[in-house]
Amino acid sequence: MAHRSGFVNIIGNPNVGKSTLMNALVGEKLSIVTAKAQTTRHRIMGIVNGDDWQIVYSDTPGILKPGYRLQQNMMNFVDEALGDADVVLYVTDTVETADKNAEYLDKLGRLECPVVVVINKIDLSNQAEVVRRMEWWRDRLPRAEVIPASAKESFNLDSILDAVVSKLPECPPWYDKDTFTDRNLRFFASEIIREKILLNYKEEIPYSCEVGIESFKEGAERYEISAVIYVMRESQKGIIIGRGGAALKKVGTQARLDMEDFFQKKVYLNIYVKTDPDWRESRKELRKFGYEN
């Protein structure tokens, strides 16, 4: 049997469960997951292998109307994902308005590559509503395959896998079969810290923050990591640190424990906070954080 391989890019609006779905399909937590919009900022690859196939999944930021350069670059990642996909996995759910960001639905309808529409979160709905939404999507994108699923409950993931594999082009694997992502350990360290910021702070604070890894030393017994949380204003710096450093200590402890679970090694983590007022608009800063080439 010929080998199938290809790039399967996951796109959709914020909060529909794209990252949860990719993590479930890959079997590893590669993308951070929170209830807040704009949790995913980068394209993150997760690679899954079978005997005669390889899927290179790519999680992408949620579709939005950009308000500053960082968000514009995030949407550039989405447009790139539409352009270089062998299969597009468009994720919607049973909650959002189906035609939200309709211009992207028009783009999906014009794609030459196969499209699979996943209606996620069916565990939060009922059968009649799910059937109604499936019919709506089949009318809207008649060439797409429509699959109801629940990433959180791992329901119908096999159907998604079978649909994706059947649509892959015949091709040798793009990556070694023991590779599961294109990202390095420094990236995952920064994302784990950013997830804790999203979970522990409210309002604009998480969206004003970025995390940089200053040093990452891989010792035989433990990893020694030094990280910086960049904020846009001095007042935000005080909020991140908290009274007596309590808030930052909480973030650091949570992040260290998650890193130890992810890396399967002890971690010594040092986190500092710095002010960088222009990081969301500066091409130089965005390049440093991996948002510009």
Protein backbone atom coordinates (compact mmCIF):
# COMPACT_ATOMS: atom_id res chain seq x y z
CA MET A 1 0.00 0.00 0.00
CA ALA A 2 1.32 3.45 -0.91
CA HIS A 3 2.37 5.77 1.90
CA ARG A 4 0.24 8.88 2.51
CA SER A 5 1.57 12.05 4.09
CA GLY A 6 0.55 15.66 4.30
CA PHE A 7 -0.06 18.88 6.18
CA VAL A 8 -3.44 19.11 7.91
CA ASN A 9 -4.02 22.67 9.08
CA ILE A 10 -6.58 23.40 11.80
CA ILE A 11 -8.36 26.75 11.55
CA GLY A 12 -11.48 28.28 13.06
CA ASN A 13 -12.78 31.08 15.25
CA PRO A 14 -11.59 31.64 18.83
CA ASN A 15 -12.82 29.31 21.60
CA VAL A 16 -14.19 26.54 19.39
CA GLY A 17 -11.66 24.02 20.72
CA LYS A 18 -9.00 23.91 17.99
CA SER A 19 -6.13 23.41 20.42
CA THR A 20 -8.04 20.85 22.49
CA LEU A 21 -8.80 18.96 19.28
CA MET A 22 -5.19 18.97 18.09
CA ASN A 23 -3.91 17.84 21.46
CA ALA A 24 -6.44 15.00 21.43
CA LEU A 25 -5.55 13.96 17.88
CA VAL A 26 -1.81 14.09 18.57
CA GLY A 27 -2.02 12.52 22.02
CA GLU A 28 0.23 15.20 23.54
CA LYS A 29 -0.48 18.62 25.02
CA LEU A 30 1.37 20.73 22.47
CA SER A 31 -1.00 23.72 22.38
CA ILE A 32 -1.94 25.55 25.55
CA VAL A 33 -5.66 25.55 26.32
CA THR A 34 -7.71 28.14 28.24
CA ALA A 35 -11.21 29.55 28.02
CA LYS A 36 -9.85 32.93 26.86
CA ALA A 37 -9.78 34.05 23.25
CA GLN A 38 -6.40 34.45 21.53
CA THR A 39 -4.81 31.70 23.64
CA THR A 40 -3.00 30.38 20.57
CA ARG A 41 -0.67 32.92 18.96
CA HIS A 42 1.65 30.73 16.85
CA ARG A 43 1.33 27.92 14.36
CA ILE A 44 2.24 24.78 16.29
CA MET A 45 2.84 21.47 14.57
CA GLY A 46 1.99 18.06 15.99
CA ILE A 47 3.00 14.97 14.02
CA VAL A 48 1.15 11.65 14.13
CA ASN A 49 2.34 8.48 12.40
CA GLY A 50 0.79 5.23 11.25
CA ASP A 51 2.44 2.36 9.42
CA ASP A 52 1.55 3.79 6.01
CA TRP A 53 0.71 7.42 6.77
CA GLN A 54 1.97 10.57 8.48
CA ILE A 55 -0.19 13.55 9.46
CA VAL A 56 1.47 16.89 10.19
CA TYR A 57 -1.20 18.79 12.11
CA SER A 58 -0.85 22.55 12.50
CA ASP A 59 -2.79 24.48 15.14
CA THR A 60 -3.39 28.14 14.32
CA PRO A 61 -4.65 31.29 16.09
CA GLY A 62 -8.38 31.92 16.18
CA ILE A 63 -9.72 34.10 13.37
CA LEU A 64 -10.19 37.74 14.39
CA LYS A 65 -10.13 41.28 13.04
CA PRO A 66 -6.61 42.59 13.84
CA GLY A 67 -6.23 45.58 16.12
CA TYR A 68 -2.41 45.75 16.23
CA ARG A 69 0.62 44.24 14.50
CA LEU A 70 0.80 41.10 16.67
CA GLN A 71 -2.79 40.21 15.74
CA GLN A 72 -2.09 40.94 12.07
CA ASN A 73 0.82 38.52 12.19
CA MET A 74 -1.43 35.96 13.87
CA MET A 75 -3.88 36.27 10.98
CA ASN A 76 -0.98 35.93 8.55
CA PHE A 77 -0.37 32.50 10.14
CA VAL A 78 -4.00 31.59 9.41
CA ASP A 79 -3.74 32.73 5.78
CA GLU A 80 -0.49 30.77 5.37
CA ALA A 81 -2.26 27.71 6.79
CA LEU A 82 -4.98 28.04 4.15
CA GLY A 83 -2.34 28.33 1.44
CA ASP A 84 -0.05 25.43 2.29
CA ALA A 85 -2.52 22.77 3.49
CA ASP A 86 -3.03 19.36 1.95
CA VAL A 87 -6.20 19.11 4.05
CA VAL A 88 -7.95 21.87 6.02
CA LEU A 89 -9.66 20.92 9.28
CA TYR A 90 -12.16 23.72 9.93
CA VAL A 91 -13.37 23.62 13.53
CA THR A 92 -16.68 25.13 14.58
CA ASP A 93 -18.89 24.21 17.53
CA THR A 94 -22.49 23.99 18.69
CA VAL A 95 -22.37 27.43 20.34
CA GLU A 96 -20.96 29.98 17.90
CA THR A 97 -22.91 31.65 15.12
CA ALA A 98 -22.18 29.42 12.14
CA ASP A 99 -21.41 32.21 9.66
CA LYS A 100 -19.11 34.19 11.96
CA ASN A 101 -16.19 35.64 9.95
CA ALA A 102 -17.96 34.67 6.76
CA GLU A 103 -15.09 35.87 4.56
CA TYR A 104 -13.07 32.86 5.70
CA LEU A 105 -15.94 30.55 4.81
CA ASP A 106 -15.81 32.02 1.30
CA LYS A 107 -12.07 31.24 1.24
CA LEU A 108 -12.78 27.66 2.33
CA GLY A 109 -15.28 27.26 -0.48
CA ARG A 110 -12.62 28.28 -3.03
CA LEU A 111 -9.88 25.96 -1.76
CA GLU A 112 -8.68 23.22 -4.08
CA CYS A 113 -7.60 20.97 -1.21
CA PRO A 114 -10.10 18.83 0.75
CA VAL A 115 -11.91 20.41 3.72
CA VAL A 116 -13.20 18.57 6.78
CA VAL A 117 -15.61 20.54 8.98
CA VAL A 118 -15.58 19.40 12.61
CA ILE A 119 -18.58 20.47 14.70
CA ASN A 120 -17.00 20.35 18.14
CA LYS A 121 -18.59 20.38 21.63
CA ILE A 122 -21.57 18.23 20.72
CA ASP A 123 -21.56 17.10 24.36
CA LEU A 124 -22.99 20.56 25.14
CA SER A 125 -25.88 20.20 22.67
CA ASN A 126 -28.62 17.78 21.62
CA GLN A 127 -29.08 15.53 18.62
CA ALA A 128 -31.63 17.71 16.83
CA GLU A 129 -29.39 20.79 17.06
CA VAL A 130 -26.33 18.84 15.91
CA VAL A 131 -28.22 17.47 12.89
CA ARG A 132 -29.45 20.97 12.04
CA ARG A 133 -25.91 22.33 12.14
CA MET A 134 -24.57 19.46 10.03
CA GLU A 135 -27.17 20.22 7.38
CA TRP A 136 -26.27 23.93 7.48
CA TRP A 137 -22.58 23.18 6.91
CA ARG A 138 -23.31 20.71 4.12
CA ASP A 139 -25.34 23.40 2.36
CA ARG A 140 -22.66 26.06 2.98
CA LEU A 141 -19.67 23.90 1.96
CA PRO A 142 -21.07 21.09 -0.21
CA ARG A 143 -17.63 19.66 -1.08
CA ALA A 144 -16.58 19.37 2.58
CA GLU A 145 -17.01 16.35 4.82
CA VAL A 146 -18.86 17.27 8.04
CA ILE A 147 -18.14 15.38 11.28
CA PRO A 148 -19.70 15.99 14.72
CA ALA A 149 -17.28 15.46 17.61
CA SER A 150 -16.29 16.30 21.16
CA ALA A 151 -12.56 16.86 21.57
CA LYS A 152 -12.94 17.20 25.34
CA GLU A 153 -14.69 13.84 25.61
CA SER A 154 -12.56 12.20 22.86
CA PHE A 155 -15.75 11.38 20.94
CA ASN A 156 -15.59 10.59 17.21
CA LEU A 157 -11.86 11.29 16.92
CA ASP A 158 -11.47 8.03 14.96
CA SER A 159 -13.87 9.35 12.32
CA ILE A 160 -11.81 12.53 11.98
CA LEU A 161 -8.60 10.49 11.68
CA ASP A 162 -10.10 8.20 9.03
CA ALA A 163 -11.41 11.17 7.05
CA VAL A 164 -8.06 12.95 7.16
CA VAL A 165 -5.98 9.90 6.22
CA SER A 166 -8.25 9.13 3.27
CA LYS A 167 -7.66 12.63 1.90
CA LEU A 168 -3.86 12.75 2.26
CA PRO A 169 -1.80 12.67 -0.95
CA GLU A 170 0.44 9.70 -1.66
CA CYS A 171 3.80 10.88 -0.39
CA PRO A 172 6.74 9.68 1.73
CA PRO A 173 6.85 11.03 5.31
CA TRP A 174 7.95 14.63 5.70
CA TYR A 175 9.55 14.01 9.10
CA ASP A 176 11.28 11.13 10.85
CA LYS A 177 8.69 8.78 12.29
CA ASP A 178 9.87 9.45 15.86
CA THR A 179 9.37 13.24 15.55
CA PHE A 180 6.21 14.61 17.19
CA THR A 181 6.60 18.40 16.81
CA ASP A 182 8.70 21.03 15.05
CA ARG A 183 9.06 23.14 18.20
CA ASN A 184 11.95 23.05 20.68
CA LEU A 185 11.88 22.82 24.47
CA ARG A 186 12.37 26.57 24.93
CA PHE A 187 9.15 27.22 23.02
CA PHE A 188 7.13 24.87 25.21
CA ALA A 189 8.61 26.39 28.37
CA SER A 190 7.49 29.86 27.27
CA GLU A 191 4.01 28.62 26.30
CA ILE A 192 3.51 26.87 29.63
CA ILE A 193 4.29 30.12 31.46
CA ARG A 194 1.97 32.06 29.14
CA GLU A 195 -0.83 29.59 29.83
CA LYS A 196 -0.49 30.25 33.57
CA ILE A 197 -0.69 33.99 32.91
CA LEU A 198 -3.91 33.46 30.97
CA LEU A 199 -5.34 31.36 33.78
CA ASN A 200 -4.35 33.61 36.69
CA TYR A 201 -4.90 37.17 35.46
CA LYS A 202 -7.97 38.98 34.15
CA GLU A 203 -8.97 41.65 31.65
CA GLU A 204 -6.18 42.99 29.44
CA ILE A 205 -3.23 41.62 31.41
CA PRO A 206 -2.74 38.32 29.50
CA TYR A 207 -3.01 40.11 26.14
CA SER A 208 -0.36 42.63 27.15
CA CYS A 209 2.14 39.92 28.10
CA GLU A 210 4.71 37.89 26.20
CA VAL A 211 7.22 35.39 27.57
CA GLY A 212 10.86 35.12 26.54
CA ILE A 213 13.26 32.37 27.59
CA GLU A 214 16.59 33.98 28.48
CA SER A 215 18.43 30.72 29.15
CA PHE A 216 17.67 27.01 29.05
CA LYS A 217 20.35 24.73 30.50
CA GLU A 218 19.82 21.00 30.07
CA GLY A 219 21.60 19.25 32.94
CA ALA A 220 21.72 15.55 33.66
CA GLU A 221 19.56 15.94 36.75
CA ARG A 222 17.38 18.96 35.92
CA TYR A 223 16.67 21.77 33.50
CA GLU A 224 17.59 25.29 34.66
CA ILE A 225 15.35 27.86 32.98
CA SER A 226 15.38 31.64 33.21
CA ALA A 227 12.34 33.40 31.75
CA VAL A 228 11.13 36.99 31.37
CA ILE A 229 7.50 38.10 31.30
CA TYR A 230 7.25 41.27 29.20
CA VAL A 231 4.41 43.68 29.95
CA MET A 232 3.47 46.98 28.34
CA ARG A 233 3.10 49.22 31.40
CA GLU A 234 4.68 49.55 34.84
CA SER A 235 1.26 49.14 36.48
CA GLN A 236 0.92 45.75 34.77
CA LYS A 237 4.31 44.75 36.12
CA GLY A 238 3.02 45.31 39.63
CA ILE A 239 -0.09 43.22 38.96
CA ILE A 240 1.95 40.33 37.55
CA ILE A 241 4.27 40.34 40.58
CA GLY A 242 1.52 40.84 43.16
CA ARG A 243 1.81 41.83 46.78
CA GLY A 244 5.06 40.51 48.19
CA GLY A 245 5.64 38.62 44.92
CA ALA A 246 2.80 36.19 45.70
CA ALA A 247 1.13 36.28 42.26
CA LEU A 248 4.37 35.70 40.35
CA LYS A 249 5.36 32.92 42.75
CA LYS A 250 2.02 31.18 42.09
CA VAL A 251 2.53 31.40 38.32
CA GLY A 252 6.09 30.12 38.67
CA THR A 253 5.09 27.15 40.82
CA GLN A 254 2.27 26.13 38.47
CA ALA A 255 4.52 26.49 35.43
CA ARG A 256 7.38 24.54 37.00
CA LEU A 257 5.12 21.62 37.89
CA ASP A 258 3.68 21.51 34.36
CA MET A 259 7.18 21.70 32.87
CA GLU A 260 8.36 18.81 35.01
CA ASP A 261 5.38 16.76 33.81
CA PHE A 262 5.95 17.75 30.17
CA PHE A 263 9.75 17.40 30.15
CA GLN A 264 9.82 14.41 32.52
CA LYS A 265 12.68 16.01 34.41
CA LYS A 266 13.13 18.26 37.44
CA VAL A 267 13.05 21.99 36.64
CA TYR A 268 14.58 24.98 38.37
CA LEU A 269 12.65 28.02 37.11
CA ASN A 270 13.46 31.70 37.57
CA ILE A 271 10.98 34.28 36.26
CA TYR A 272 11.52 38.03 36.00
CA VAL A 273 9.16 40.78 34.81
CA LYS A 274 10.19 43.61 32.48
CA THR A 275 8.34 46.49 30.81
CA ASP A 276 8.42 46.75 27.01
CA PRO A 277 5.73 49.23 25.90
CA ASP A 278 6.00 48.54 22.17
CA TRP A 279 6.41 44.77 21.94
CA ARG A 280 3.03 44.17 20.23
CA GLU A 281 3.80 46.69 17.45
CA SER A 282 7.59 46.48 17.03
CA ARG A 283 8.75 44.30 14.15
CA LYS A 284 12.06 43.78 15.91
CA GLU A 285 10.39 42.58 19.11
CA LEU A 286 7.85 40.44 17.27
CA ARG A 287 10.68 38.83 15.32
CA LYS A 288 12.43 38.03 18.60
CA PHE A 289 9.27 36.30 19.85
CA GLY A 290 8.82 34.33 16.62
CA TYR A 291 5.94 36.27 15.06
CA GLU A 292 7.88 37.70 12.11
CA ASN A 293 10.45 36.17 9.75
